[in-house]
PDB file of N, CA and C in Angstrom:
ATOM      1  N   MET A   1     -13.891   9.114 -23.600  1.00  0.00           N
ATOM      2  CA  MET A   1     -14.797   9.881 -24.425  1.00  0.00           C
ATOM      3  C   MET A   1     -15.996  10.245 -23.578  1.00  0.00           C
ATOM      4  N   SER A   2     -16.409  11.499 -23.584  1.00  0.00           N
ATOM      5  CA  SER A   2     -17.620  11.903 -22.883  1.00  0.00           C
ATOM      6  C   SER A   2     -18.600  12.473 -23.892  1.00  0.00           C
ATOM      7  N   MET A   3     -19.841  12.471 -23.510  1.00  0.00           N
ATOM      8  CA  MET A   3     -20.855  12.991 -24.419  1.00  0.00           C
ATOM      9  C   MET A   3     -21.302  14.358 -23.954  1.00  0.00           C
ATOM     10  N   THR A   4     -21.995  15.086 -24.817  1.00  0.00           N
ATOM     11  CA  THR A   4     -22.418  16.436 -24.477  1.00  0.00           C
ATOM     12  C   THR A   4     -23.929  16.554 -24.382  1.00  0.00           C
ATOM     13  N   SER A   5     -24.638  15.460 -24.513  1.00  0.00           N
ATOM     14  CA  SER A   5     -26.092  15.460 -24.470  1.00  0.00           C
ATOM     15  C   SER A   5     -26.570  15.174 -23.052  1.00  0.00           C
ATOM     16  N   ASN A   6     -27.799  15.598 -22.749  1.00  0.00           N
ATOM     17  CA  ASN A   6     -28.407  15.304 -21.456  1.00  0.00           C
ATOM     18  C   ASN A   6     -29.439  14.201 -21.595  1.00  0.00           C
ATOM     19  N   ASP A   7     -29.268  13.282 -22.513  1.00  0.00           N
ATOM     20  CA  ASP A   7     -30.195  12.189 -22.730  1.00  0.00           C
ATOM     21  C   ASP A   7     -30.111  11.232 -21.540  1.00  0.00           C
ATOM     22  N   PRO A   8     -31.191  11.075 -20.759  1.00  0.00           N
ATOM     23  CA  PRO A   8     -31.139  10.224 -19.566  1.00  0.00           C
ATOM     24  C   PRO A   8     -30.986   8.733 -19.859  1.00  0.00           C
ATOM     25  N   SER A   9     -31.152   8.324 -21.113  1.00  0.00           N
ATOM     26  CA  SER A   9     -30.992   6.913 -21.455  1.00  0.00           C
ATOM     27  C   SER A   9     -29.567   6.587 -21.912  1.00  0.00           C
ATOM     28  N   ARG A  10     -28.694   7.580 -21.930  1.00  0.00           N
ATOM     29  CA  ARG A  10     -27.314   7.398 -22.404  1.00  0.00           C
ATOM     30  C   ARG A  10     -26.317   7.647 -21.281  1.00  0.00           C
ATOM     31  N   CYS A  11     -25.301   6.826 -21.241  1.00  0.00           N
ATOM     32  CA  CYS A  11     -24.238   6.954 -20.246  1.00  0.00           C
ATOM     33  C   CYS A  11     -23.502   8.277 -20.453  1.00  0.00           C
ATOM     34  N   PRO A  12     -23.308   9.064 -19.384  1.00  0.00           N
ATOM     35  CA  PRO A  12     -22.603  10.340 -19.534  1.00  0.00           C
ATOM     36  C   PRO A  12     -21.103  10.182 -19.752  1.00  0.00           C
ATOM     37  N   LEU A  13     -20.590   8.956 -19.660  1.00  0.00           N
ATOM     38  CA  LEU A  13     -19.164   8.731 -19.887  1.00  0.00           C
ATOM     39  C   LEU A  13     -18.857   8.225 -21.286  1.00  0.00           C
ATOM     40  N   CYS A  14     -19.647   7.256 -21.772  1.00  0.00           N
ATOM     41  CA  CYS A  14     -19.341   6.673 -23.082  1.00  0.00           C
ATOM     42  C   CYS A  14     -20.386   7.006 -24.152  1.00  0.00           C
ATOM     43  N   GLY A  15     -21.564   7.452 -23.751  1.00  0.00           N
ATOM     44  CA  GLY A  15     -22.603   7.819 -24.708  1.00  0.00           C
ATOM     45  C   GLY A  15     -23.471   6.667 -25.176  1.00  0.00           C
ATOM     46  N   LYS A  16     -23.179   5.450 -24.722  1.00  0.00           N
ATOM     47  CA  LYS A  16     -23.998   4.303 -25.110  1.00  0.00           C
ATOM     48  C   LYS A  16     -25.213   4.207 -24.198  1.00  0.00           C
ATOM     49  N   GLU A  17     -26.203   3.387 -24.591  1.00  0.00           N
ATOM     50  CA  GLU A  17     -27.386   3.209 -23.761  1.00  0.00           C
ATOM     51  C   GLU A  17     -26.980   2.682 -22.400  1.00  0.00           C
ATOM     52  N   ASN A  18     -27.549   3.260 -21.338  1.00  0.00           N
ATOM     53  CA  ASN A  18     -27.157   2.867 -19.994  1.00  0.00           C
ATOM     54  C   ASN A  18     -27.999   1.727 -19.411  1.00  0.00           C
ATOM     55  N   GLN A  19     -29.042   1.304 -20.120  1.00  0.00           N
ATOM     56  CA  GLN A  19     -29.885   0.195 -19.682  1.00  0.00           C
ATOM     57  C   GLN A  19     -30.516   0.445 -18.318  1.00  0.00           C
ATOM     58  N   CYS A  20     -30.825   1.702 -18.009  1.00  0.00           N
ATOM     59  CA  CYS A  20     -31.451   2.063 -16.738  1.00  0.00           C
ATOM     60  C   CYS A  20     -32.908   1.594 -16.746  1.00  0.00           C
ATOM     61  N   ALA A  21     -33.286   0.836 -15.734  1.00  0.00           N
ATOM     62  CA  ALA A  21     -34.659   0.324 -15.646  1.00  0.00           C
ATOM     63  C   ALA A  21     -35.658   1.468 -15.516  1.00  0.00           C
ATOM     64  N   VAL A  22     -35.352   2.439 -14.692  1.00  0.00           N
ATOM     65  CA  VAL A  22     -36.273   3.554 -14.455  1.00  0.00           C
ATOM     66  C   VAL A  22     -36.510   4.347 -15.736  1.00  0.00           C
ATOM     67  N   THR A  23     -35.441   4.636 -16.462  1.00  0.00           N
ATOM     68  CA  THR A  23     -35.551   5.385 -17.717  1.00  0.00           C
ATOM     69  C   THR A  23     -36.402   4.644 -18.742  1.00  0.00           C
ATOM     70  N   SER A  24     -36.330   3.306 -18.713  1.00  0.00           N
ATOM     71  CA  SER A  24     -37.100   2.529 -19.680  1.00  0.00           C
ATOM     72  C   SER A  24     -38.491   2.147 -19.161  1.00  0.00           C
ATOM     73  N   GLY A  25     -38.878   2.708 -18.003  1.00  0.00           N
ATOM     74  CA  GLY A  25     -40.234   2.495 -17.497  1.00  0.00           C
ATOM     75  C   GLY A  25     -40.426   1.245 -16.654  1.00  0.00           C
ATOM     76  N   ARG A  26     -39.328   0.604 -16.268  1.00  0.00           N
ATOM     77  CA  ARG A  26     -39.414  -0.595 -15.422  1.00  0.00           C
ATOM     78  C   ARG A  26     -39.169  -0.211 -13.964  1.00  0.00           C
ATOM     79  N   PRO A  27     -39.543  -1.068 -13.025  1.00  0.00           N
ATOM     80  CA  PRO A  27     -39.294  -0.787 -11.610  1.00  0.00           C
ATOM     81  C   PRO A  27     -37.794  -0.705 -11.303  1.00  0.00           C
ATOM     82  N   PRO A  28     -37.389   0.164 -10.392  1.00  0.00           N
ATOM     83  CA  PRO A  28     -35.968   0.299 -10.051  1.00  0.00           C
ATOM     84  C   PRO A  28     -35.341  -1.010  -9.590  1.00  0.00           C
ATOM     85  N   GLU A  29     -36.117  -1.874  -8.961  1.00  0.00           N
ATOM     86  CA  GLU A  29     -35.596  -3.150  -8.471  1.00  0.00           C
ATOM     87  C   GLU A  29     -35.071  -4.033  -9.599  1.00  0.00           C
ATOM     88  N   GLU A  30     -35.503  -3.781 -10.828  1.00  0.00           N
ATOM     89  CA  GLU A  30     -35.068  -4.580 -11.975  1.00  0.00           C
ATOM     90  C   GLU A  30     -33.774  -4.074 -12.616  1.00  0.00           C
ATOM     91  N   CYS A  31     -33.253  -2.973 -12.117  1.00  0.00           N
ATOM     92  CA  CYS A  31     -32.075  -2.372 -12.746  1.00  0.00           C
ATOM     93  C   CYS A  31     -30.799  -3.128 -12.373  1.00  0.00           C
ATOM     94  N   TRP A  32     -29.859  -3.185 -13.309  1.00  0.00           N
ATOM     95  CA  TRP A  32     -28.575  -3.843 -13.094  1.00  0.00           C
ATOM     96  C   TRP A  32     -27.827  -3.217 -11.926  1.00  0.00           C
ATOM     97  N   CYS A  33     -28.068  -1.934 -11.655  1.00  0.00           N
ATOM     98  CA  CYS A  33     -27.309  -1.243 -10.606  1.00  0.00           C
ATOM     99  C   CYS A  33     -27.721  -1.676  -9.199  1.00  0.00           C
ATOM    100  N   MET A  34     -28.790  -2.453  -9.089  1.00  0.00           N
ATOM    101  CA  MET A  34     -29.184  -2.973  -7.777  1.00  0.00           C
ATOM    102  C   MET A  34     -28.231  -4.081  -7.318  1.00  0.00           C
ATOM    103  N   ASN A  35     -27.456  -4.622  -8.239  1.00  0.00           N
ATOM    104  CA  ASN A  35     -26.515  -5.692  -7.915  1.00  0.00           C
ATOM    105  C   ASN A  35     -25.054  -5.299  -8.109  1.00  0.00           C
ATOM    106  N   LEU A  36     -24.814  -4.056  -8.497  1.00  0.00           N
ATOM    107  CA  LEU A  36     -23.456  -3.591  -8.759  1.00  0.00           C
ATOM    108  C   LEU A  36     -23.362  -2.115  -8.376  1.00  0.00           C
ATOM    109  N   SER A  37     -22.556  -1.807  -7.376  1.00  0.00           N
ATOM    110  CA  SER A  37     -22.419  -0.422  -6.926  1.00  0.00           C
ATOM    111  C   SER A  37     -21.550   0.380  -7.895  1.00  0.00           C
ATOM    112  N   VAL A  38     -21.917   1.629  -8.073  1.00  0.00           N
ATOM    113  CA  VAL A  38     -21.140   2.532  -8.919  1.00  0.00           C
ATOM    114  C   VAL A  38     -20.163   3.274  -8.003  1.00  0.00           C
ATOM    115  N   PRO A  39     -18.860   3.071  -8.182  1.00  0.00           N
ATOM    116  CA  PRO A  39     -17.868   3.709  -7.315  1.00  0.00           C
ATOM    117  C   PRO A  39     -17.915   5.238  -7.405  1.00  0.00           C
ATOM    118  N   GLN A  40     -17.745   5.886  -6.272  1.00  0.00           N
ATOM    119  CA  GLN A  40     -17.745   7.346  -6.218  1.00  0.00           C
ATOM    120  C   GLN A  40     -16.660   7.928  -7.127  1.00  0.00           C
ATOM    121  N   ALA A  41     -15.509   7.277  -7.177  1.00  0.00           N
ATOM    122  CA  ALA A  41     -14.412   7.770  -8.025  1.00  0.00           C
ATOM    123  C   ALA A  41     -14.821   7.804  -9.496  1.00  0.00           C
ATOM    124  N   LEU A  42     -15.651   6.859  -9.920  1.00  0.00           N
ATOM    125  CA  LEU A  42     -16.122   6.856 -11.303  1.00  0.00           C
ATOM    126  C   LEU A  42     -17.136   7.975 -11.517  1.00  0.00           C
ATOM    127  N   LEU A  43     -18.026   8.170 -10.557  1.00  0.00           N
ATOM    128  CA  LEU A  43     -19.007   9.256 -10.664  1.00  0.00           C
ATOM    129  C   LEU A  43     -18.316  10.611 -10.782  1.00  0.00           C
ATOM    130  N   GLU A  44     -17.180  10.763 -10.141  1.00  0.00           N
ATOM    131  CA  GLU A  44     -16.437  12.022 -10.195  1.00  0.00           C
ATOM    132  C   GLU A  44     -15.819  12.277 -11.564  1.00  0.00           C
ATOM    133  N   GLU A  45     -15.747  11.242 -12.410  1.00  0.00           N
ATOM    134  CA  GLU A  45     -15.229  11.419 -13.775  1.00  0.00           C
ATOM    135  C   GLU A  45     -16.276  11.990 -14.728  1.00  0.00           C
ATOM    136  N   ILE A  46     -17.529  12.036 -14.308  1.00  0.00           N
ATOM    137  CA  ILE A  46     -18.601  12.580 -15.150  1.00  0.00           C
ATOM    138  C   ILE A  46     -18.420  14.098 -15.239  1.00  0.00           C
ATOM    139  N   PRO A  47     -18.454  14.669 -16.435  1.00  0.00           N
ATOM    140  CA  PRO A  47     -18.343  16.126 -16.567  1.00  0.00           C
ATOM    141  C   PRO A  47     -19.431  16.816 -15.729  1.00  0.00           C
ATOM    142  N   HIS A  48     -19.079  17.927 -15.114  1.00  0.00           N
ATOM    143  CA  HIS A  48     -20.009  18.632 -14.226  1.00  0.00           C
ATOM    144  C   HIS A  48     -21.373  18.885 -14.848  1.00  0.00           C
ATOM    145  N   GLU A  49     -21.390  19.281 -16.108  1.00  0.00           N
ATOM    146  CA  GLU A  49     -22.654  19.627 -16.764  1.00  0.00           C
ATOM    147  C   GLU A  49     -23.566  18.420 -16.995  1.00  0.00           C
ATOM    148  N   LEU A  50     -23.017  17.209 -16.854  1.00  0.00           N
ATOM    149  CA  LEU A  50     -23.807  15.990 -17.087  1.00  0.00           C
ATOM    150  C   LEU A  50     -24.122  15.230 -15.796  1.00  0.00           C
ATOM    151  N   ARG A  51     -23.596  15.700 -14.686  1.00  0.00           N
ATOM    152  CA  ARG A  51     -23.824  14.998 -13.414  1.00  0.00           C
ATOM    153  C   ARG A  51     -25.294  15.065 -13.011  1.00  0.00           C
ATOM    154  N   ARG A  52     -25.768  13.918 -12.491  1.00  0.00           N
ATOM    155  CA  ARG A  52     -27.133  13.780 -11.991  1.00  0.00           C
ATOM    156  C   ARG A  52     -28.181  13.949 -13.092  1.00  0.00           C
ATOM    157  N   LYS A  53     -27.764  13.750 -14.336  1.00  0.00           N
ATOM    158  CA  LYS A  53     -28.680  13.842 -15.473  1.00  0.00           C
ATOM    159  C   LYS A  53     -28.999  12.466 -16.048  1.00  0.00           C
ATOM    160  N   ALA A  54     -28.041  11.529 -15.945  1.00  0.00           N
ATOM    161  CA  ALA A  54     -28.201  10.186 -16.504  1.00  0.00           C
ATOM    162  C   ALA A  54     -27.304   9.212 -15.749  1.00  0.00           C
ATOM    163  N   CYS A  55     -27.690   7.961 -15.769  1.00  0.00           N
ATOM    164  CA  CYS A  55     -26.913   6.910 -15.100  1.00  0.00           C
ATOM    165  C   CYS A  55     -25.731   6.471 -15.954  1.00  0.00           C
ATOM    166  N   VAL A  56     -24.667   6.102 -15.262  1.00  0.00           N
ATOM    167  CA  VAL A  56     -23.521   5.488 -15.920  1.00  0.00           C
ATOM    168  C   VAL A  56     -23.944   4.080 -16.328  1.00  0.00           C
ATOM    169  N   CYS A  57     -23.405   3.570 -17.419  1.00  0.00           N
ATOM    170  CA  CYS A  57     -23.773   2.222 -17.874  1.00  0.00           C
ATOM    171  C   CYS A  57     -22.964   1.144 -17.152  1.00  0.00           C
ATOM    172  N   GLU A  58     -23.485  -0.068 -17.184  1.00  0.00           N
ATOM    173  CA  GLU A  58     -22.827  -1.196 -16.523  1.00  0.00           C
ATOM    174  C   GLU A  58     -21.441  -1.445 -17.113  1.00  0.00           C
ATOM    175  N   HIS A  59     -21.300  -1.290 -18.427  1.00  0.00           N
ATOM    176  CA  HIS A  59     -20.001  -1.516 -19.073  1.00  0.00           C
ATOM    177  C   HIS A  59     -18.936  -0.579 -18.491  1.00  0.00           C
ATOM    178  N   CYS A  60     -19.268   0.702 -18.327  1.00  0.00           N
ATOM    179  CA  CYS A  60     -18.290   1.648 -17.784  1.00  0.00           C
ATOM    180  C   CYS A  60     -17.943   1.310 -16.337  1.00  0.00           C
ATOM    181  N   VAL A  61     -18.935   0.874 -15.562  1.00  0.00           N
ATOM    182  CA  VAL A  61     -18.673   0.499 -14.168  1.00  0.00           C
ATOM    183  C   VAL A  61     -17.740  -0.708 -14.124  1.00  0.00           C
ATOM    184  N   ARG A  62     -18.041  -1.733 -14.896  1.00  0.00           N
ATOM    185  CA  ARG A  62     -17.207  -2.940 -14.883  1.00  0.00           C
ATOM    186  C   ARG A  62     -15.791  -2.654 -15.400  1.00  0.00           C
ATOM    187  N   LYS A  63     -15.693  -1.824 -16.417  1.00  0.00           N
ATOM    188  CA  LYS A  63     -14.384  -1.451 -16.960  1.00  0.00           C
ATOM    189  C   LYS A  63     -13.568  -0.700 -15.901  1.00  0.00           C
ATOM    190  N   PHE A  64     -14.208   0.208 -15.183  1.00  0.00           N
ATOM    191  CA  PHE A  64     -13.548   0.959 -14.130  1.00  0.00           C
ATOM    192  C   PHE A  64     -13.086   0.023 -13.007  1.00  0.00           C
ATOM    193  N   LEU A  65     -13.980  -0.883 -12.578  1.00  0.00           N
ATOM    194  CA  LEU A  65     -13.640  -1.819 -11.513  1.00  0.00           C
ATOM    195  C   LEU A  65     -12.485  -2.723 -11.923  1.00  0.00           C
ATOM    196  N   GLN A  66     -12.503  -3.168 -13.173  1.00  0.00           N
ATOM    197  CA  GLN A  66     -11.429  -4.029 -13.666  1.00  0.00           C
ATOM    198  C   GLN A  66     -10.098  -3.286 -13.674  1.00  0.00           C
ATOM    199  N   SER A  67     -10.094  -2.055 -14.137  1.00  0.00           N
ATOM    200  CA  SER A  67      -8.846  -1.289 -14.189  1.00  0.00           C
ATOM    201  C   SER A  67      -8.344  -0.968 -12.785  1.00  0.00           C
ATOM    202  N   THR A  68      -9.257  -0.750 -11.853  1.00  0.00           N
ATOM    203  CA  THR A  68      -8.878  -0.482 -10.471  1.00  0.00           C
ATOM    204  C   THR A  68      -8.238  -1.716  -9.847  1.00  0.00           C
ATOM    205  N   GLN A  69      -8.838  -2.871 -10.091  1.00  0.00           N
ATOM    206  CA  GLN A  69      -8.295  -4.121  -9.556  1.00  0.00           C
ATOM    207  C   GLN A  69      -6.930  -4.419 -10.149  1.00  0.00           C
ATOM    208  N   MET A  70      -6.766  -4.147 -11.425  1.00  0.00           N
ATOM    209  CA  MET A  70      -5.470  -4.391 -12.074  1.00  0.00           C
ATOM    210  C   MET A  70      -4.409  -3.484 -11.474  1.00  0.00           C
ATOM    211  N   ASN A  71      -4.754  -2.219 -11.235  1.00  0.00           N
ATOM    212  CA  ASN A  71      -3.783  -1.272 -10.667  1.00  0.00           C
ATOM    213  C   ASN A  71      -3.416  -1.638  -9.237  1.00  0.00           C
ATOM    214  N   GLU A  72      -4.374  -2.186  -8.465  1.00  0.00           N
ATOM    215  CA  GLU A  72      -4.086  -2.586  -7.092  1.00  0.00           C
ATOM    216  C   GLU A  72      -3.147  -3.773  -7.061  1.00  0.00           C
ATOM    217  N   GLY A  73      -3.154  -4.591  -8.097  1.00  0.00           N
ATOM    218  CA  GLY A  73      -2.317  -5.778  -8.136  1.00  0.00           C
ATOM    219  C   GLY A  73      -0.877  -5.485  -8.478  1.00  0.00           C
ATOM    220  N   HIS A  74      -0.583  -4.299  -8.987  1.00  0.00           N
ATOM    221  CA  HIS A  74       0.777  -3.940  -9.377  1.00  0.00           C
ATOM    222  C   HIS A  74       1.347  -2.940  -8.377  1.00  0.00           C
ATOM    223  N   GLN A  75       2.362  -3.355  -7.676  1.00  0.00           N
ATOM    224  CA  GLN A  75       3.020  -2.488  -6.705  1.00  0.00           C
ATOM    225  C   GLN A  75       4.184  -1.752  -7.397  1.00  0.00           C
ATOM    226  N   PRO A  76       4.319  -0.472  -7.149  1.00  0.00           N
ATOM    227  CA  PRO A  76       5.451   0.264  -7.750  1.00  0.00           C
ATOM    228  C   PRO A  76       6.778  -0.198  -7.145  1.00  0.00           C
ATOM    229  N   TYR A  77       7.823  -0.156  -7.949  1.00  0.00           N
ATOM    230  CA  TYR A  77       9.159  -0.510  -7.481  1.00  0.00           C
ATOM    231  C   TYR A  77       9.714   0.626  -6.641  1.00  0.00           C
ATOM    232  N   GLU A  78      10.408   0.249  -5.586  1.00  0.00           N
ATOM    233  CA  GLU A  78      11.022   1.278  -4.720  1.00  0.00           C
ATOM    234  C   GLU A  78      12.502   1.285  -4.866  1.00  0.00           C
TER     235      GLU A  78
END
C-alpha cells in the first residue's frame, strides 16, 4: 500500500508515522535511522512523486530486511 500525500511525518510506503527525529524537531542523531540503514532497493519502491519528500518508517525497513533475509535462505530447486 502506498500513500498519495506529501506529509513528511508519514512513511511514503505504508502511510504510518515514520518517527523521524528531524520532522518532530529533535536532533538527527536521535533518529532510529542512525542505527539502521535503509536499503537502496527499498527506497526504489517509493513512488516517484513521493521520493525525497518523507522518510520511510522503521517498520517498513525491518519488514523489508526480514523478507530479504528469508528469500536469501531459500535456494531455488534446479
